[in-house]
Amino acid sequence: MEIEKTNRMNALFEFYSTLLTEKQMNYIELYYAFDYSLGEIAEEFQVSRQAVYDNIKRTEKTLEEYERKLSLYSNYIVRGEILDELKEKYSQDTYLLKKLAEIQEIDET
């Protein structure tokens, strides 16, 4: 499994997990976050490997579609880059740095 895809799916899962069904959440979390194999997930839920595979593929598409429509993850990345630039440019302005840290804290909760 590609590390980039795993990282992306984990990130999208963090943003959109509450929009998924319980089964989708379970399968994606086990597969991407805990590195379970299709067989292990199938055994855990007493379904076929094919059923797990199909569910994961559909859920990946669903997560990508949510991101395409809502852009929560990409906006988060852009905001982080902008905050980093501001912190660097205004590294001597303690008031601004404090406010930027507050904004960043909001993003991380």
PDB file of N, CA and C in Angstrom:
ATOM      1  N   MET A   1       0.847  -1.173   0.000  1.00  0.00           N
ATOM      2  CA  MET A   1       0.000   0.000   0.000  1.00  0.00           C
ATOM      3  C   MET A   1       0.897   1.242   0.000  1.00  0.00           C
ATOM      4  N   GLU A   2       0.548   2.200  -0.818  1.00  0.00           N
ATOM      5  CA  GLU A   2       1.349   3.413  -0.911  1.00  0.00           C
ATOM      6  C   GLU A   2       1.205   4.248   0.358  1.00  0.00           C
ATOM      7  N   ILE A   3       2.320   4.746   0.834  1.00  0.00           N
ATOM      8  CA  ILE A   3       2.309   5.549   2.060  1.00  0.00           C
ATOM      9  C   ILE A   3       1.550   6.858   1.848  1.00  0.00           C
ATOM     10  N   GLU A   4       1.675   7.452   0.647  1.00  0.00           N
ATOM     11  CA  GLU A   4       0.978   8.711   0.372  1.00  0.00           C
ATOM     12  C   GLU A   4      -0.534   8.515   0.408  1.00  0.00           C
ATOM     13  N   LYS A   5      -0.983   7.414  -0.196  1.00  0.00           N
ATOM     14  CA  LYS A   5      -2.420   7.139  -0.202  1.00  0.00           C
ATOM     15  C   LYS A   5      -2.907   6.857   1.214  1.00  0.00           C
ATOM     16  N   THR A   6      -2.130   6.112   1.972  1.00  0.00           N
ATOM     17  CA  THR A   6      -2.500   5.812   3.353  1.00  0.00           C
ATOM     18  C   THR A   6      -2.603   7.098   4.163  1.00  0.00           C
ATOM     19  N   ASN A   7      -1.632   7.970   4.024  1.00  0.00           N
ATOM     20  CA  ASN A   7      -1.655   9.239   4.752  1.00  0.00           C
ATOM     21  C   ASN A   7      -2.851  10.085   4.357  1.00  0.00           C
ATOM     22  N   ARG A   8      -3.129  10.124   3.049  1.00  0.00           N
ATOM     23  CA  ARG A   8      -4.277  10.913   2.570  1.00  0.00           C
ATOM     24  C   ARG A   8      -5.587  10.341   3.103  1.00  0.00           C
ATOM     25  N   MET A   9      -5.756   9.034   3.020  1.00  0.00           N
ATOM     26  CA  MET A   9      -6.996   8.422   3.500  1.00  0.00           C
ATOM     27  C   MET A   9      -7.161   8.637   4.998  1.00  0.00           C
ATOM     28  N   ASN A  10      -6.082   8.532   5.757  1.00  0.00           N
ATOM     29  CA  ASN A  10      -6.160   8.794   7.198  1.00  0.00           C
ATOM     30  C   ASN A  10      -6.555  10.247   7.470  1.00  0.00           C
ATOM     31  N   ALA A  11      -6.003  11.177   6.690  1.00  0.00           N
ATOM     32  CA  ALA A  11      -6.344  12.594   6.864  1.00  0.00           C
ATOM     33  C   ALA A  11      -7.805  12.851   6.498  1.00  0.00           C
ATOM     34  N   LEU A  12      -8.229  12.316   5.359  1.00  0.00           N
ATOM     35  CA  LEU A  12      -9.624  12.502   4.955  1.00  0.00           C
ATOM     36  C   LEU A  12     -10.559  11.870   5.972  1.00  0.00           C
ATOM     37  N   PHE A  13     -10.163  10.715   6.500  1.00  0.00           N
ATOM     38  CA  PHE A  13     -10.967  10.046   7.513  1.00  0.00           C
ATOM     39  C   PHE A  13     -11.139  10.932   8.749  1.00  0.00           C
ATOM     40  N   GLU A  14     -10.077  11.603   9.159  1.00  0.00           N
ATOM     41  CA  GLU A  14     -10.162  12.491  10.314  1.00  0.00           C
ATOM     42  C   GLU A  14     -11.171  13.609  10.094  1.00  0.00           C
ATOM     43  N   PHE A  15     -11.224  14.128   8.878  1.00  0.00           N
ATOM     44  CA  PHE A  15     -12.130  15.231   8.588  1.00  0.00           C
ATOM     45  C   PHE A  15     -13.566  14.782   8.366  1.00  0.00           C
ATOM     46  N   TYR A  16     -13.758  13.640   7.749  1.00  0.00           N
ATOM     47  CA  TYR A  16     -15.094  13.257   7.292  1.00  0.00           C
ATOM     48  C   TYR A  16     -15.659  11.985   7.925  1.00  0.00           C
ATOM     49  N   SER A  17     -15.005  11.434   8.922  1.00  0.00           N
ATOM     50  CA  SER A  17     -15.444  10.152   9.474  1.00  0.00           C
ATOM     51  C   SER A  17     -16.882  10.189   9.979  1.00  0.00           C
ATOM     52  N   THR A  18     -17.292  11.316  10.533  1.00  0.00           N
ATOM     53  CA  THR A  18     -18.649  11.391  11.077  1.00  0.00           C
ATOM     54  C   THR A  18     -19.723  11.356   9.990  1.00  0.00           C
ATOM     55  N   LEU A  19     -19.324  11.519   8.743  1.00  0.00           N
ATOM     56  CA  LEU A  19     -20.278  11.450   7.634  1.00  0.00           C
ATOM     57  C   LEU A  19     -20.416  10.026   7.091  1.00  0.00           C
ATOM     58  N   LEU A  20     -19.618   9.119   7.601  1.00  0.00           N
ATOM     59  CA  LEU A  20     -19.635   7.724   7.140  1.00  0.00           C
ATOM     60  C   LEU A  20     -20.541   6.876   8.007  1.00  0.00           C
ATOM     61  N   THR A  21     -20.930   5.734   7.459  1.00  0.00           N
ATOM     62  CA  THR A  21     -21.675   4.774   8.271  1.00  0.00           C
ATOM     63  C   THR A  21     -20.711   4.119   9.258  1.00  0.00           C
ATOM     64  N   GLU A  22     -21.265   3.461  10.253  1.00  0.00           N
ATOM     65  CA  GLU A  22     -20.415   2.791  11.240  1.00  0.00           C
ATOM     66  C   GLU A  22     -19.544   1.723  10.583  1.00  0.00           C
ATOM     67  N   LYS A  23     -20.122   0.973   9.645  1.00  0.00           N
ATOM     68  CA  LYS A  23     -19.355  -0.072   8.962  1.00  0.00           C
ATOM     69  C   LYS A  23     -18.217   0.548   8.144  1.00  0.00           C
ATOM     70  N   GLN A  24     -18.503   1.625   7.427  1.00  0.00           N
ATOM     71  CA  GLN A  24     -17.464   2.300   6.655  1.00  0.00           C
ATOM     72  C   GLN A  24     -16.346   2.790   7.569  1.00  0.00           C
ATOM     73  N   MET A  25     -16.732   3.390   8.689  1.00  0.00           N
ATOM     74  CA  MET A  25     -15.723   3.879   9.641  1.00  0.00           C
ATOM     75  C   MET A  25     -14.852   2.735  10.145  1.00  0.00           C
ATOM     76  N   ASN A  26     -15.484   1.637  10.519  1.00  0.00           N
ATOM     77  CA  ASN A  26     -14.736   0.491  11.045  1.00  0.00           C
ATOM     78  C   ASN A  26     -13.758  -0.059  10.020  1.00  0.00           C
ATOM     79  N   TYR A  27     -14.233  -0.303   8.814  1.00  0.00           N
ATOM     80  CA  TYR A  27     -13.384  -0.896   7.780  1.00  0.00           C
ATOM     81  C   TYR A  27     -12.211   0.008   7.430  1.00  0.00           C
ATOM     82  N   ILE A  28     -12.489   1.294   7.210  1.00  0.00           N
ATOM     83  CA  ILE A  28     -11.424   2.229   6.820  1.00  0.00           C
ATOM     84  C   ILE A  28     -10.409   2.392   7.949  1.00  0.00           C
ATOM     85  N   GLU A  29     -10.891   2.517   9.158  1.00  0.00           N
ATOM     86  CA  GLU A  29      -9.973   2.689  10.283  1.00  0.00           C
ATOM     87  C   GLU A  29      -9.086   1.461  10.461  1.00  0.00           C
ATOM     88  N   LEU A  30      -9.681   0.286  10.405  1.00  0.00           N
ATOM     89  CA  LEU A  30      -8.880  -0.936  10.548  1.00  0.00           C
ATOM     90  C   LEU A  30      -7.876  -1.075   9.404  1.00  0.00           C
ATOM     91  N   TYR A  31      -8.320  -0.791   8.193  1.00  0.00           N
ATOM     92  CA  TYR A  31      -7.473  -0.979   7.017  1.00  0.00           C
ATOM     93  C   TYR A  31      -6.334   0.037   6.956  1.00  0.00           C
ATOM     94  N   TYR A  32      -6.657   1.313   7.134  1.00  0.00           N
ATOM     95  CA  TYR A  32      -5.637   2.350   6.976  1.00  0.00           C
ATOM     96  C   TYR A  32      -4.917   2.717   8.269  1.00  0.00           C
ATOM     97  N   ALA A  33      -5.641   2.866   9.351  1.00  0.00           N
ATOM     98  CA  ALA A  33      -4.995   3.314  10.589  1.00  0.00           C
ATOM     99  C   ALA A  33      -4.289   2.174  11.318  1.00  0.00           C
ATOM    100  N   PHE A  34      -4.891   0.970  11.287  1.00  0.00           N
ATOM    101  CA  PHE A  34      -4.327  -0.148  12.035  1.00  0.00           C
ATOM    102  C   PHE A  34      -3.688  -1.216  11.152  1.00  0.00           C
ATOM    103  N   ASP A  35      -3.688  -0.974   9.836  1.00  0.00           N
ATOM    104  CA  ASP A  35      -2.995  -1.831   8.868  1.00  0.00           C
ATOM    105  C   ASP A  35      -3.487  -3.286   8.883  1.00  0.00           C
ATOM    106  N   TYR A  36      -4.783  -3.467   9.111  1.00  0.00           N
ATOM    107  CA  TYR A  36      -5.355  -4.809   9.013  1.00  0.00           C
ATOM    108  C   TYR A  36      -5.417  -5.209   7.541  1.00  0.00           C
ATOM    109  N   SER A  37      -5.306  -6.480   7.277  1.00  0.00           N
ATOM    110  CA  SER A  37      -5.486  -6.982   5.914  1.00  0.00           C
ATOM    111  C   SER A  37      -6.976  -7.143   5.640  1.00  0.00           C
ATOM    112  N   LEU A  38      -7.315  -7.298   4.362  1.00  0.00           N
ATOM    113  CA  LEU A  38      -8.713  -7.534   3.997  1.00  0.00           C
ATOM    114  C   LEU A  38      -9.232  -8.790   4.690  1.00  0.00           C
ATOM    115  N   GLY A  39      -8.401  -9.817   4.731  1.00  0.00           N
ATOM    116  CA  GLY A  39      -8.785 -11.068   5.364  1.00  0.00           C
ATOM    117  C   GLY A  39      -9.053 -10.915   6.855  1.00  0.00           C
ATOM    118  N   GLU A  40      -8.216 -10.134   7.523  1.00  0.00           N
ATOM    119  CA  GLU A  40      -8.404  -9.917   8.958  1.00  0.00           C
ATOM    120  C   GLU A  40      -9.708  -9.163   9.242  1.00  0.00           C
ATOM    121  N   ILE A  41      -9.993  -8.170   8.411  1.00  0.00           N
ATOM    122  CA  ILE A  41     -11.240  -7.421   8.579  1.00  0.00           C
ATOM    123  C   ILE A  41     -12.433  -8.319   8.287  1.00  0.00           C
ATOM    124  N   ALA A  42     -12.328  -9.113   7.216  1.00  0.00           N
ATOM    125  CA  ALA A  42     -13.410 -10.033   6.857  1.00  0.00           C
ATOM    126  C   ALA A  42     -13.694 -11.007   7.990  1.00  0.00           C
ATOM    127  N   GLU A  43     -12.649 -11.520   8.577  1.00  0.00           N
ATOM    128  CA  GLU A  43     -12.809 -12.455   9.690  1.00  0.00           C
ATOM    129  C   GLU A  43     -13.452 -11.767  10.896  1.00  0.00           C
ATOM    130  N   GLU A  44     -13.003 -10.561  11.182  1.00  0.00           N
ATOM    131  CA  GLU A  44     -13.531  -9.792  12.317  1.00  0.00           C
ATOM    132  C   GLU A  44     -15.042  -9.558  12.192  1.00  0.00           C
ATOM    133  N   PHE A  45     -15.495  -9.271  10.964  1.00  0.00           N
ATOM    134  CA  PHE A  45     -16.912  -8.940  10.749  1.00  0.00           C
ATOM    135  C   PHE A  45     -17.706 -10.083  10.115  1.00  0.00           C
ATOM    136  N   GLN A  46     -17.059 -11.225   9.938  1.00  0.00           N
ATOM    137  CA  GLN A  46     -17.692 -12.425   9.380  1.00  0.00           C
ATOM    138  C   GLN A  46     -18.372 -12.144   8.030  1.00  0.00           C
ATOM    139  N   VAL A  47     -17.586 -11.536   7.140  1.00  0.00           N
ATOM    140  CA  VAL A  47     -18.020 -11.281   5.759  1.00  0.00           C
ATOM    141  C   VAL A  47     -16.893 -11.731   4.840  1.00  0.00           C
ATOM    142  N   SER A  48     -17.132 -11.679   3.546  1.00  0.00           N
ATOM    143  CA  SER A  48     -16.102 -12.093   2.594  1.00  0.00           C
ATOM    144  C   SER A  48     -15.055 -10.996   2.411  1.00  0.00           C
ATOM    145  N   ARG A  49     -13.881 -11.405   1.962  1.00  0.00           N
ATOM    146  CA  ARG A  49     -12.817 -10.443   1.647  1.00  0.00           C
ATOM    147  C   ARG A  49     -13.293  -9.483   0.565  1.00  0.00           C
ATOM    148  N   GLN A  50     -14.056 -10.026  -0.404  1.00  0.00           N
ATOM    149  CA  GLN A  50     -14.564  -9.208  -1.503  1.00  0.00           C
ATOM    150  C   GLN A  50     -15.515  -8.124  -0.979  1.00  0.00           C
ATOM    151  N   ALA A  51     -16.349  -8.480  -0.006  1.00  0.00           N
ATOM    152  CA  ALA A  51     -17.266  -7.496   0.572  1.00  0.00           C
ATOM    153  C   ALA A  51     -16.483  -6.370   1.252  1.00  0.00           C
ATOM    154  N   VAL A  52     -15.433  -6.724   1.957  1.00  0.00           N
ATOM    155  CA  VAL A  52     -14.589  -5.727   2.623  1.00  0.00           C
ATOM    156  C   VAL A  52     -13.912  -4.842   1.572  1.00  0.00           C
ATOM    157  N   TYR A  53     -13.335  -5.472   0.557  1.00  0.00           N
ATOM    158  CA  TYR A  53     -12.653  -4.740  -0.516  1.00  0.00           C
ATOM    159  C   TYR A  53     -13.611  -3.751  -1.184  1.00  0.00           C
ATOM    160  N   ASP A  54     -14.798  -4.225  -1.550  1.00  0.00           N
ATOM    161  CA  ASP A  54     -15.775  -3.367  -2.214  1.00  0.00           C
ATOM    162  C   ASP A  54     -16.170  -2.190  -1.326  1.00  0.00           C
ATOM    163  N   ASN A  55     -16.385  -2.466  -0.042  1.00  0.00           N
ATOM    164  CA  ASN A  55     -16.768  -1.409   0.887  1.00  0.00           C
ATOM    165  C   ASN A  55     -15.659  -0.378   1.023  1.00  0.00           C
ATOM    166  N   ILE A  56     -14.432  -0.830   1.145  1.00  0.00           N
ATOM    167  CA  ILE A  56     -13.298   0.100   1.280  1.00  0.00           C
ATOM    168  C   ILE A  56     -13.153   0.957   0.031  1.00  0.00           C
ATOM    169  N   LYS A  57     -13.259   0.351  -1.150  1.00  0.00           N
ATOM    170  CA  LYS A  57     -13.135   1.117  -2.400  1.00  0.00           C
ATOM    171  C   LYS A  57     -14.246   2.158  -2.520  1.00  0.00           C
ATOM    172  N   ARG A  58     -15.470   1.780  -2.184  1.00  0.00           N
ATOM    173  CA  ARG A  58     -16.586   2.738  -2.226  1.00  0.00           C
ATOM    174  C   ARG A  58     -16.368   3.861  -1.217  1.00  0.00           C
ATOM    175  N   THR A  59     -15.878   3.511  -0.047  1.00  0.00           N
ATOM    176  CA  THR A  59     -15.655   4.510   0.988  1.00  0.00           C
ATOM    177  C   THR A  59     -14.528   5.465   0.602  1.00  0.00           C
ATOM    178  N   GLU A  60     -13.482   4.951  -0.025  1.00  0.00           N
ATOM    179  CA  GLU A  60     -12.411   5.823  -0.523  1.00  0.00           C
ATOM    180  C   GLU A  60     -12.983   6.853  -1.500  1.00  0.00           C
ATOM    181  N   LYS A  61     -13.818   6.399  -2.409  1.00  0.00           N
ATOM    182  CA  LYS A  61     -14.441   7.317  -3.377  1.00  0.00           C
ATOM    183  C   LYS A  61     -15.331   8.329  -2.664  1.00  0.00           C
ATOM    184  N   THR A  62     -16.045   7.871  -1.654  1.00  0.00           N
ATOM    185  CA  THR A  62     -16.913   8.763  -0.886  1.00  0.00           C
ATOM    186  C   THR A  62     -16.090   9.835  -0.182  1.00  0.00           C
ATOM    187  N   LEU A  63     -14.994   9.434   0.458  1.00  0.00           N
ATOM    188  CA  LEU A  63     -14.131  10.405   1.134  1.00  0.00           C
ATOM    189  C   LEU A  63     -13.562  11.425   0.155  1.00  0.00           C
ATOM    190  N   GLU A  64     -13.119  10.943  -1.009  1.00  0.00           N
ATOM    191  CA  GLU A  64     -12.584  11.857  -2.034  1.00  0.00           C
ATOM    192  C   GLU A  64     -13.672  12.803  -2.540  1.00  0.00           C
ATOM    193  N   GLU A  65     -14.885  12.309  -2.656  1.00  0.00           N
ATOM    194  CA  GLU A  65     -15.996  13.144  -3.117  1.00  0.00           C
ATOM    195  C   GLU A  65     -16.334  14.215  -2.070  1.00  0.00           C
ATOM    196  N   TYR A  66     -16.333  13.841  -0.803  1.00  0.00           N
ATOM    197  CA  TYR A  66     -16.539  14.836   0.248  1.00  0.00           C
ATOM    198  C   TYR A  66     -15.473  15.921   0.171  1.00  0.00           C
ATOM    199  N   GLU A  67     -14.230  15.509  -0.021  1.00  0.00           N
ATOM    200  CA  GLU A  67     -13.136  16.479  -0.098  1.00  0.00           C
ATOM    201  C   GLU A  67     -13.293  17.372  -1.334  1.00  0.00           C
ATOM    202  N   ARG A  68     -13.696  16.776  -2.443  1.00  0.00           N
ATOM    203  CA  ARG A  68     -13.885  17.572  -3.668  1.00  0.00           C
ATOM    204  C   ARG A  68     -14.955  18.644  -3.451  1.00  0.00           C
ATOM    205  N   LYS A  69     -16.010  18.289  -2.739  1.00  0.00           N
ATOM    206  CA  LYS A  69     -17.110  19.225  -2.533  1.00  0.00           C
ATOM    207  C   LYS A  69     -16.862  20.204  -1.389  1.00  0.00           C
ATOM    208  N   LEU A  70     -16.239  19.759  -0.320  1.00  0.00           N
ATOM    209  CA  LEU A  70     -16.112  20.577   0.885  1.00  0.00           C
ATOM    210  C   LEU A  70     -14.719  21.178   1.092  1.00  0.00           C
ATOM    211  N   SER A  71     -13.698  20.531   0.592  1.00  0.00           N
ATOM    212  CA  SER A  71     -12.304  21.019   0.651  1.00  0.00           C
ATOM    213  C   SER A  71     -11.802  21.296   2.066  1.00  0.00           C
ATOM    214  N   LEU A  72     -12.295  20.595   3.040  1.00  0.00           N
ATOM    215  CA  LEU A  72     -11.852  20.846   4.413  1.00  0.00           C
ATOM    216  C   LEU A  72     -10.369  20.532   4.605  1.00  0.00           C
ATOM    217  N   TYR A  73      -9.932  19.412   4.067  1.00  0.00           N
ATOM    218  CA  TYR A  73      -8.530  19.010   4.232  1.00  0.00           C
ATOM    219  C   TYR A  73      -7.593  19.938   3.465  1.00  0.00           C
ATOM    220  N   SER A  74      -7.899  20.225   2.211  1.00  0.00           N
ATOM    221  CA  SER A  74      -6.999  21.091   1.428  1.00  0.00           C
ATOM    222  C   SER A  74      -6.971  22.503   1.996  1.00  0.00           C
ATOM    223  N   ASN A  75      -8.098  23.004   2.480  1.00  0.00           N
ATOM    224  CA  ASN A  75      -8.108  24.327   3.111  1.00  0.00           C
ATOM    225  C   ASN A  75      -7.291  24.329   4.398  1.00  0.00           C
ATOM    226  N   TYR A  76      -7.341  23.237   5.137  1.00  0.00           N
ATOM    227  CA  TYR A  76      -6.546  23.102   6.354  1.00  0.00           C
ATOM    228  C   TYR A  76      -5.048  23.185   6.028  1.00  0.00           C
ATOM    229  N   ILE A  77      -4.639  22.497   4.980  1.00  0.00           N
ATOM    230  CA  ILE A  77      -3.225  22.516   4.563  1.00  0.00           C
ATOM    231  C   ILE A  77      -2.806  23.927   4.165  1.00  0.00           C
ATOM    232  N   VAL A  78      -3.629  24.593   3.375  1.00  0.00           N
ATOM    233  CA  VAL A  78      -3.309  25.951   2.910  1.00  0.00           C
ATOM    234  C   VAL A  78      -3.241  26.912   4.095  1.00  0.00           C
ATOM    235  N   ARG A  79      -4.207  26.817   5.007  1.00  0.00           N
ATOM    236  CA  ARG A  79      -4.178  27.678   6.202  1.00  0.00           C
ATOM    237  C   ARG A  79      -2.900  27.464   6.998  1.00  0.00           C
ATOM    238  N   GLY A  80      -2.488  26.228   7.141  1.00  0.00           N
ATOM    239  CA  GLY A  80      -1.257  25.933   7.867  1.00  0.00           C
ATOM    240  C   GLY A  80      -0.038  26.561   7.212  1.00  0.00           C
ATOM    241  N   GLU A  81       0.008  26.497   5.887  1.00  0.00           N
ATOM    242  CA  GLU A  81       1.131  27.098   5.164  1.00  0.00           C
ATOM    243  C   GLU A  81       1.146  28.612   5.331  1.00  0.00           C
ATOM    244  N   ILE A  82      -0.030  29.224   5.260  1.00  0.00           N
ATOM    245  CA  ILE A  82      -0.125  30.679   5.431  1.00  0.00           C
ATOM    246  C   ILE A  82       0.276  31.068   6.852  1.00  0.00           C
ATOM    247  N   LEU A  83      -0.196  30.325   7.836  1.00  0.00           N
ATOM    248  CA  LEU A  83       0.180  30.613   9.232  1.00  0.00           C
ATOM    249  C   LEU A  83       1.685  30.496   9.423  1.00  0.00           C
ATOM    250  N   ASP A  84       2.291  29.483   8.834  1.00  0.00           N
ATOM    251  CA  ASP A  84       3.742  29.316   8.937  1.00  0.00           C
ATOM    252  C   ASP A  84       4.483  30.493   8.314  1.00  0.00           C
ATOM    253  N   GLU A  85       4.015  30.954   7.150  1.00  0.00           N
ATOM    254  CA  GLU A  85       4.638  32.102   6.487  1.00  0.00           C
ATOM    255  C   GLU A  85       4.535  33.354   7.360  1.00  0.00           C
ATOM    256  N   LEU A  86       3.354  33.575   7.931  1.00  0.00           N
ATOM    257  CA  LEU A  86       3.160  34.743   8.790  1.00  0.00           C
ATOM    258  C   LEU A  86       4.041  34.683  10.037  1.00  0.00           C
ATOM    259  N   LYS A  87       4.139  33.511  10.626  1.00  0.00           N
ATOM    260  CA  LYS A  87       4.981  33.353  11.812  1.00  0.00           C
ATOM    261  C   LYS A  87       6.442  33.668  11.487  1.00  0.00           C
ATOM    262  N   GLU A  88       6.873  33.216  10.329  1.00  0.00           N
ATOM    263  CA  GLU A  88       8.261  33.468   9.940  1.00  0.00           C
ATOM    264  C   GLU A  88       8.492  34.948   9.650  1.00  0.00           C
ATOM    265  N   LYS A  89       7.575  35.550   8.887  1.00  0.00           N
ATOM    266  CA  LYS A  89       7.755  36.947   8.489  1.00  0.00           C
ATOM    267  C   LYS A  89       7.651  37.900   9.672  1.00  0.00           C
ATOM    268  N   TYR A  90       6.780  37.590  10.612  1.00  0.00           N
ATOM    269  CA  TYR A  90       6.551  38.485  11.743  1.00  0.00           C
ATOM    270  C   TYR A  90       7.001  37.843  13.054  1.00  0.00           C
ATOM    271  N   SER A  91       8.138  37.200  13.020  1.00  0.00           N
ATOM    272  CA  SER A  91       8.639  36.448  14.170  1.00  0.00           C
ATOM    273  C   SER A  91       8.933  37.326  15.387  1.00  0.00           C
ATOM    274  N   GLN A  92       9.040  38.629  15.203  1.00  0.00           N
ATOM    275  CA  GLN A  92       9.335  39.542  16.320  1.00  0.00           C
ATOM    276  C   GLN A  92       8.069  40.136  16.930  1.00  0.00           C
ATOM    277  N   ASP A  93       6.939  39.966  16.295  1.00  0.00           N
ATOM    278  CA  ASP A  93       5.680  40.548  16.764  1.00  0.00           C
ATOM    279  C   ASP A  93       4.978  39.549  17.689  1.00  0.00           C
ATOM    280  N   THR A  94       5.180  39.700  18.991  1.00  0.00           N
ATOM    281  CA  THR A  94       4.649  38.722  19.949  1.00  0.00           C
ATOM    282  C   THR A  94       3.129  38.692  19.976  1.00  0.00           C
ATOM    283  N   TYR A  95       2.489  39.847  19.804  1.00  0.00           N
ATOM    284  CA  TYR A  95       1.028  39.871  19.793  1.00  0.00           C
ATOM    285  C   TYR A  95       0.494  39.065  18.605  1.00  0.00           C
ATOM    286  N   LEU A  96       1.051  39.318  17.440  1.00  0.00           N
ATOM    287  CA  LEU A  96       0.604  38.601  16.237  1.00  0.00           C
ATOM    288  C   LEU A  96       0.885  37.110  16.366  1.00  0.00           C
ATOM    289  N   LEU A  97       2.042  36.748  16.881  1.00  0.00           N
ATOM    290  CA  LEU A  97       2.367  35.330  17.061  1.00  0.00           C
ATOM    291  C   LEU A  97       1.383  34.652  18.009  1.00  0.00           C
ATOM    292  N   LYS A  98       0.978  35.373  19.048  1.00  0.00           N
ATOM    293  CA  LYS A  98      -0.001  34.826  19.997  1.00  0.00           C
ATOM    294  C   LYS A  98      -1.332  34.579  19.292  1.00  0.00           C
ATOM    295  N   LYS A  99      -1.775  35.524  18.506  1.00  0.00           N
ATOM    296  CA  LYS A  99      -3.048  35.393  17.793  1.00  0.00           C
ATOM    297  C   LYS A  99      -2.977  34.290  16.728  1.00  0.00           C
ATOM    298  N   LEU A 100      -1.855  34.179  16.057  1.00  0.00           N
ATOM    299  CA  LEU A 100      -1.684  33.109  15.066  1.00  0.00           C
ATOM    300  C   LEU A 100      -1.721  31.737  15.739  1.00  0.00           C
ATOM    301  N   ALA A 101      -1.126  31.653  16.927  1.00  0.00           N
ATOM    302  CA  ALA A 101      -1.156  30.394  17.682  1.00  0.00           C
ATOM    303  C   ALA A 101      -2.587  30.044  18.079  1.00  0.00           C
ATOM    304  N   GLU A 102      -3.379  31.044  18.430  1.00  0.00           N
ATOM    305  CA  GLU A 102      -4.787  30.816  18.772  1.00  0.00           C
ATOM    306  C   GLU A 102      -5.559  30.289  17.563  1.00  0.00           C
ATOM    307  N   ILE A 103      -5.300  30.855  16.406  1.00  0.00           N
ATOM    308  CA  ILE A 103      -5.956  30.393  15.175  1.00  0.00           C
ATOM    309  C   ILE A 103      -5.552  28.948  14.896  1.00  0.00           C
ATOM    310  N   GLN A 104      -4.274  28.662  15.028  1.00  0.00           N
ATOM    311  CA  GLN A 104      -3.795  27.315  14.772  1.00  0.00           C
ATOM    312  C   GLN A 104      -4.399  26.309  15.763  1.00  0.00           C
ATOM    313  N   GLU A 105      -4.567  26.727  16.989  1.00  0.00           N
ATOM    314  CA  GLU A 105      -5.173  25.864  18.001  1.00  0.00           C
ATOM    315  C   GLU A 105      -6.623  25.540  17.649  1.00  0.00           C
ATOM    316  N   ILE A 106      -7.345  26.513  17.123  1.00  0.00           N
ATOM    317  CA  ILE A 106      -8.725  26.271  16.685  1.00  0.00           C
ATOM    318  C   ILE A 106      -8.749  25.218  15.591  1.00  0.00           C
ATOM    319  N   ASP A 107      -7.842  25.310  14.654  1.00  0.00           N
ATOM    320  CA  ASP A 107      -7.770  24.356  13.542  1.00  0.00           C
ATOM    321  C   ASP A 107      -7.476  22.937  14.034  1.00  0.00           C
ATOM    322  N   GLU A 108      -6.725  22.819  15.114  1.00  0.00           N
ATOM    323  CA  GLU A 108      -6.278  21.512  15.571  1.00  0.00           C
ATOM    324  C   GLU A 108      -7.243  20.834  16.529  1.00  0.00           C
ATOM    325  N   THR A 109      -8.308  21.535  16.901  1.00  0.00           N
ATOM    326  CA  THR A 109      -9.293  20.899  17.799  1.00  0.00           C
ATOM    327  C   THR A 109     -10.445  20.282  17.060  1.00  0.00           C
TER     328      THR A 109
END
